[in-house]
Amino acid sequence: MAEQPLSDREIFALLDQAVDLFRGQKAETEGGEAVMEMFIKNTDFIQRAMLIMLAENRPQSGNEP
């Protein structure tokens, strides 16, 4: 059985959950700390881009109106 494709809003929410896993955490090494910071910053950038796309009502695949 194939799963339903994720809507843009569902993707946005999942990205938020992923960031929450790292937010407020401290890494054991400087390298780990840098990776977490980069992940949070990059994910924030991706989410901002998604919000712009949603606000502009760009065509979307799937069940989105």
C-alpha atoms as a PDB file:
ATOM      1  CA  MET A   1       0.000   0.000   0.000  1.00  0.00           C
ATOM      2  CA  ALA A   2       1.493   3.350  -1.092  1.00  0.00           C
ATOM      3  CA  GLU A   3       1.467   6.223   1.358  1.00  0.00           C
ATOM      4  CA  GLN A   4      -0.130   9.535   0.477  1.00  0.00           C
ATOM      5  CA  PRO A   5       2.342  12.204  -0.626  1.00  0.00           C
ATOM      6  CA  LEU A   6       3.098  14.858   1.974  1.00  0.00           C
ATOM      7  CA  SER A   7       1.594  18.295   1.499  1.00  0.00           C
ATOM      8  CA  ASP A   8       3.839  21.347   1.767  1.00  0.00           C
ATOM      9  CA  ARG A   9       2.279  22.143   5.131  1.00  0.00           C
ATOM     10  CA  GLU A  10       3.012  18.633   6.391  1.00  0.00           C
ATOM     11  CA  ILE A  11       6.629  18.919   5.203  1.00  0.00           C
ATOM     12  CA  PHE A  12       6.926  22.275   6.990  1.00  0.00           C
ATOM     13  CA  ALA A  13       5.596  20.736  10.222  1.00  0.00           C
ATOM     14  CA  LEU A  14       7.976  17.776  10.006  1.00  0.00           C
ATOM     15  CA  LEU A  15      10.921  20.124   9.501  1.00  0.00           C
ATOM     16  CA  ASP A  16       9.790  22.010  12.599  1.00  0.00           C
ATOM     17  CA  GLN A  17       9.738  18.759  14.577  1.00  0.00           C
ATOM     18  CA  ALA A  18      13.241  17.899  13.347  1.00  0.00           C
ATOM     19  CA  VAL A  19      14.572  21.276  14.479  1.00  0.00           C
ATOM     20  CA  ASP A  20      12.891  20.818  17.871  1.00  0.00           C
ATOM     21  CA  LEU A  21      14.985  17.664  18.367  1.00  0.00           C
ATOM     22  CA  PHE A  22      18.149  19.796  18.337  1.00  0.00           C
ATOM     23  CA  ARG A  23      16.933  23.123  19.721  1.00  0.00           C
ATOM     24  CA  GLY A  24      18.407  23.736  23.178  1.00  0.00           C
ATOM     25  CA  GLN A  25      20.758  20.733  22.964  1.00  0.00           C
ATOM     26  CA  LYS A  26      24.512  20.909  23.451  1.00  0.00           C
ATOM     27  CA  ALA A  27      26.898  18.737  21.462  1.00  0.00           C
ATOM     28  CA  GLU A  28      29.856  16.974  23.009  1.00  0.00           C
ATOM     29  CA  THR A  29      32.282  18.394  20.438  1.00  0.00           C
ATOM     30  CA  GLU A  30      32.698  21.678  18.574  1.00  0.00           C
ATOM     31  CA  GLY A  31      32.135  19.800  15.325  1.00  0.00           C
ATOM     32  CA  GLY A  32      28.850  18.402  16.580  1.00  0.00           C
ATOM     33  CA  GLU A  33      27.806  21.841  17.777  1.00  0.00           C
ATOM     34  CA  ALA A  34      28.600  23.297  14.351  1.00  0.00           C
ATOM     35  CA  VAL A  35      26.568  20.599  12.602  1.00  0.00           C
ATOM     36  CA  MET A  36      23.532  21.231  14.812  1.00  0.00           C
ATOM     37  CA  GLU A  37      23.751  24.991  14.285  1.00  0.00           C
ATOM     38  CA  MET A  38      24.104  24.536  10.531  1.00  0.00           C
ATOM     39  CA  PHE A  39      21.135  22.152  10.442  1.00  0.00           C
ATOM     40  CA  ILE A  40      18.925  24.599  12.342  1.00  0.00           C
ATOM     41  CA  LYS A  41      19.976  27.551  10.163  1.00  0.00           C
ATOM     42  CA  ASN A  42      19.545  25.637   6.903  1.00  0.00           C
ATOM     43  CA  THR A  43      16.186  24.240   7.963  1.00  0.00           C
ATOM     44  CA  ASP A  44      15.027  27.735   8.918  1.00  0.00           C
ATOM     45  CA  PHE A  45      16.056  28.942   5.457  1.00  0.00           C
ATOM     46  CA  ILE A  46      14.143  26.085   3.795  1.00  0.00           C
ATOM     47  CA  GLN A  47      11.037  26.795   5.881  1.00  0.00           C
ATOM     48  CA  ARG A  48      11.143  30.491   4.989  1.00  0.00           C
ATOM     49  CA  ALA A  49      11.311  29.559   1.309  1.00  0.00           C
ATOM     50  CA  MET A  50       8.330  27.231   1.762  1.00  0.00           C
ATOM     51  CA  LEU A  51       6.331  29.996   3.463  1.00  0.00           C
ATOM     52  CA  ILE A  52       7.044  32.331   0.548  1.00  0.00           C
ATOM     53  CA  MET A  53       5.907  29.676  -1.922  1.00  0.00           C
ATOM     54  CA  LEU A  54       2.730  29.018   0.072  1.00  0.00           C
ATOM     55  CA  ALA A  55       2.008  32.748   0.378  1.00  0.00           C
ATOM     56  CA  GLU A  56       2.393  33.199  -3.363  1.00  0.00           C
ATOM     57  CA  ASN A  57       0.019  30.272  -3.975  1.00  0.00           C
ATOM     58  CA  ARG A  58       2.403  28.635  -6.374  1.00  0.00           C
ATOM     59  CA  PRO A  59       1.087  25.509  -8.030  1.00  0.00           C
ATOM     60  CA  GLN A  60       1.506  22.459  -5.850  1.00  0.00           C
ATOM     61  CA  SER A  61       1.125  18.790  -6.521  1.00  0.00           C
ATOM     62  CA  GLY A  62      -1.080  16.538  -4.451  1.00  0.00           C
ATOM     63  CA  ASN A  63      -4.160  17.480  -2.491  1.00  0.00           C
ATOM     64  CA  GLU A  64      -3.324  21.135  -1.917  1.00  0.00           C
ATOM     65  CA  PRO A  65      -6.036  23.609  -3.005  1.00  0.00           C
END
